[in-house]
Each structure stands twice: as structure tokens, then as C-alpha cells.
Protein backbone atom coordinates (compact mmCIF):
# COMPACT_ATOMS: atom_id res chain seq x y z
CA MET A 1 -19.73 30.49 -23.97
CA THR A 2 -16.02 31.47 -24.15
CA ARG A 3 -13.54 28.91 -25.23
CA PRO A 4 -10.92 27.84 -22.69
CA ARG A 5 -7.49 29.13 -23.15
CA PRO A 6 -4.86 26.43 -24.32
CA GLN A 7 -3.30 26.46 -20.88
CA GLU A 8 -6.67 25.96 -19.12
CA GLU A 9 -7.65 23.16 -21.50
CA THR A 10 -4.41 21.40 -20.75
CA ALA A 11 -4.82 21.63 -17.22
CA ARG A 12 -8.40 20.26 -17.38
CA GLN A 13 -7.02 17.38 -19.73
CA ALA A 14 -4.35 16.61 -17.19
CA TRP A 15 -6.86 16.54 -14.39
CA ALA A 16 -9.11 14.36 -16.20
CA ALA A 17 -6.26 12.07 -17.08
CA TYR A 18 -4.94 11.93 -13.25
CA ARG A 19 -8.44 10.86 -12.28
CA ARG A 20 -9.00 8.08 -15.04
CA LEU A 21 -5.44 6.79 -14.29
CA HIS A 22 -6.12 6.81 -10.46
CA LEU A 23 -9.46 5.16 -10.83
CA LEU A 24 -8.20 2.48 -13.29
CA VAL A 25 -4.99 1.50 -11.44
CA ASP A 26 -6.69 1.30 -8.08
CA ALA A 27 -9.30 -0.77 -9.45
CA GLU A 28 -7.15 -3.23 -11.17
CA ILE A 29 -4.84 -3.51 -8.08
CA ALA A 30 -7.76 -3.82 -5.94
CA ARG A 31 -9.25 -6.51 -7.95
CA ASP A 32 -5.92 -8.49 -8.01
CA LEU A 33 -5.49 -8.07 -4.25
CA GLU A 34 -9.04 -9.51 -3.32
CA ARG A 35 -8.42 -12.34 -5.87
CA ASP A 36 -5.09 -13.22 -4.82
CA THR A 37 -5.16 -12.80 -1.05
CA GLY A 38 -8.78 -12.09 0.01
CA LEU A 39 -7.82 -8.76 1.42
CA SER A 40 -9.47 -5.48 0.48
CA MET A 41 -7.35 -2.50 -0.50
CA ALA A 42 -8.25 -0.85 2.57
CA ASP A 43 -7.32 -4.08 4.64
CA TYR A 44 -3.84 -4.05 2.94
CA GLU A 45 -3.31 -0.33 3.43
CA VAL A 46 -3.83 -0.59 7.17
CA LEU A 47 -1.47 -3.78 7.44
CA ASP A 48 1.23 -2.10 5.31
CA ALA A 49 0.87 1.21 7.54
CA VAL A 50 0.92 -0.61 10.79
CA ALA A 51 3.91 -2.86 9.64
CA ALA A 52 5.95 0.26 8.49
CA MET A 53 5.23 1.97 11.81
CA SER A 54 6.09 -0.96 13.89
CA ASP A 55 9.63 -0.38 15.45
CA GLY A 56 8.95 -1.79 18.99
CA GLU A 57 9.69 1.40 20.58
CA HIS A 58 6.81 3.65 19.87
CA CYS A 59 3.11 3.04 20.43
CA ILE A 60 1.09 3.19 16.97
CA ARG A 61 -1.95 5.14 17.98
CA VAL A 62 -4.92 5.58 16.05
CA ASN A 63 -4.30 9.30 15.48
CA GLY A 64 -0.85 8.71 14.20
CA LEU A 65 -2.04 5.98 11.95
CA THR A 66 -4.83 8.25 10.64
CA ALA A 67 -2.14 10.78 9.91
CA ARG A 68 0.13 8.49 8.16
CA MET A 69 -2.67 7.21 5.84
CA ASN A 70 -4.44 10.50 5.55
CA TRP A 71 -7.70 8.92 6.12
CA ALA A 72 -10.74 10.24 8.30
CA HIS A 73 -10.42 9.10 11.91
CA SER A 74 -14.09 7.56 11.54
CA ARG A 75 -13.01 5.67 8.37
CA LEU A 76 -9.82 4.33 10.21
CA SER A 77 -11.83 3.32 13.38
CA ARG A 78 -14.55 1.31 11.36
CA GLN A 79 -11.82 -0.43 9.38
CA LEU A 80 -9.75 -1.33 12.55
CA GLY A 81 -12.85 -2.72 14.09
CA ARG A 82 -13.45 -4.86 11.15
CA MET A 83 -9.83 -6.08 10.95
CA GLU A 84 -9.86 -6.70 14.87
CA ARG A 85 -13.02 -8.92 14.44
CA ARG A 86 -11.00 -10.95 11.87
CA GLY A 87 -7.94 -11.32 13.95
CA LEU A 88 -5.59 -9.08 11.85
CA ILE A 89 -4.99 -6.49 14.38
CA ALA A 90 -5.27 -5.84 18.03
CA ARG A 91 -5.97 -2.70 20.05
CA GLN A 92 -4.28 -2.85 23.57
CA ALA A 93 -3.11 -0.27 26.01
CA CYS A 94 0.08 1.29 25.18
CA GLU A 95 2.84 -0.16 27.23
CA LEU A 96 5.22 2.67 26.93
CA ASP A 97 3.03 5.60 28.50
CA GLY A 98 -0.33 3.74 29.31
CA ARG A 99 -2.24 6.45 27.60
CA GLY A 100 -4.59 5.33 24.67
CA ASP A 101 -4.61 2.29 22.55
CA ASP A 102 -1.86 0.80 20.50
CA VAL A 103 -2.56 -0.71 17.16
CA ALA A 104 -0.71 -3.74 16.74
CA LEU A 105 -0.58 -6.69 14.05
CA THR A 106 -1.58 -10.04 15.30
CA GLU A 107 0.46 -12.94 14.37
CA SER A 108 -2.20 -13.68 11.87
CA GLY A 109 -2.20 -10.25 10.63
CA ARG A 110 1.73 -10.60 10.17
CA GLN A 111 1.30 -13.72 8.16
CA VAL A 112 -1.26 -12.33 6.18
CA TYR A 113 0.81 -9.13 5.15
CA ALA A 114 3.83 -11.17 4.64
CA GLU A 115 1.93 -13.39 2.07
CA ALA A 116 -0.03 -10.31 0.51
CA ALA A 117 3.03 -8.04 0.07
CA PRO A 118 4.64 -9.83 -2.93
CA ALA A 119 1.14 -10.24 -4.72
CA HIS A 120 0.47 -6.48 -4.04
CA LEU A 121 3.97 -5.67 -5.41
CA ALA A 122 3.51 -7.64 -8.57
CA SER A 123 0.11 -6.14 -9.20
CA ILE A 124 1.52 -2.73 -8.98
CA HIS A 125 4.25 -3.60 -11.46
CA ARG A 126 1.90 -5.39 -13.66
CA HIS A 127 -0.75 -2.45 -13.75
CA PHE A 128 1.49 0.61 -13.34
CA THR A 129 5.34 0.59 -13.16
CA ALA A 130 6.13 -1.77 -16.03
CA SER A 131 4.42 0.78 -18.54
CA LEU A 132 6.43 3.59 -17.26
CA SER A 133 10.08 4.67 -18.03
CA ALA A 134 12.46 5.24 -15.22
CA GLN A 135 12.21 9.05 -16.27
CA GLN A 136 8.39 9.01 -15.98
CA LEU A 137 8.46 7.39 -12.69
CA GLU A 138 10.94 9.97 -11.49
CA ALA A 139 8.72 12.67 -12.87
CA LEU A 140 5.83 11.30 -11.05
CA ILE A 141 7.67 11.17 -7.89
CA GLY A 142 8.73 14.93 -8.24
CA ILE A 143 5.08 15.80 -9.21
CA GLU A 144 3.97 14.18 -5.97
CA GLN A 145 6.70 16.05 -3.87
CA THR A 146 5.77 19.44 -5.47
CA ILE A 147 2.13 19.10 -4.69
CA GLY A 148 2.66 17.54 -1.32
CA ALA A 149 4.74 20.29 -0.25
CA SER A 150 2.43 22.82 -1.55
CA ALA A 151 -0.62 21.38 0.21
CA THR A 152 1.41 21.00 3.59
CA SER A 153 2.26 24.87 3.29
CA MET A 154 -1.24 25.87 2.60
CA ARG A 155 -2.43 23.88 5.60
CA GLU A 156 0.18 25.62 7.83
CA GLU A 157 -0.77 29.04 6.70
CA PRO A 158 -2.74 31.03 9.26
């Protein structure tokens, strides 16, 4: 077996570090969110996305939500069903064009989200941003933008 070149070994270590960090931080934030608010991470992500997309002028279609969240359509549909049964969201006919269903926060969903958002931000700070310098945070944002742009251009190639 040949030894990996230093650059390959660094790349392997970087990938492993990213995976460990991703799993660790997500697990800690999810644990806090469940304990402090009773919401799963998936619940919060949907509430957050719907709240961010709610401007009163456009319907929030499942397809649009799927694209924003980068989730599989089936995963989002199942999650919306669970949240609808709990009264957090409602699916209704889009009033603007009458095509398809619009996803909206219920009054209960808005209240739960408003109460959960500060706890979620505090957990992110505690388990992630408080440990990093401003330069490290800026570098991380730059890395995500570079990889995101690369992934987008690769999807667009014929």
C-alpha cells in the first residue's frame, strides 16, 4: 500500500474534521433545542424557513421550500404532515394564483417559533460561534460560498 501524499492526507484530515464537527455541533444544538423548546431540529428548520419566506406576497410552495432547505421532497412532505397534525403549520390553497398548496405558519407555529428562536441562537453561540474568532467565522463563510458556488455551477453544466 502506498502512502498518501501530504496534500491528500491533509485533505482527508480536513474532511474527517468537517464531518466530526458537523455531527458534534448539530447533535449539541439539537439536544438543547429539544430540551429547551420541545422542537426537533427538523421542526425548527421548517419553521425558520417558512418564517423567512413569509412576505405576504408570494405563496410558499412545497417545491420552493424544498429548494430553500435543500431537502428531498418526500422528507419535507412527511415533516410537514407531522407539523400540520401538531398545529404548527397549515397547508392551504394559494390565494394568489389558485395553483398548489401554500405552506403557512399557524398562530401556534408563529408563537412556538418566536419562543424557540432565542434559545436556538443561544445554543449556536454556546456550541459554535463563541469558540471561533471573527476571522475564523469569516473564513468559514468564504469556504461555504466557494463550495456552494462550485456545486451550483457543476449542477448547471450539461
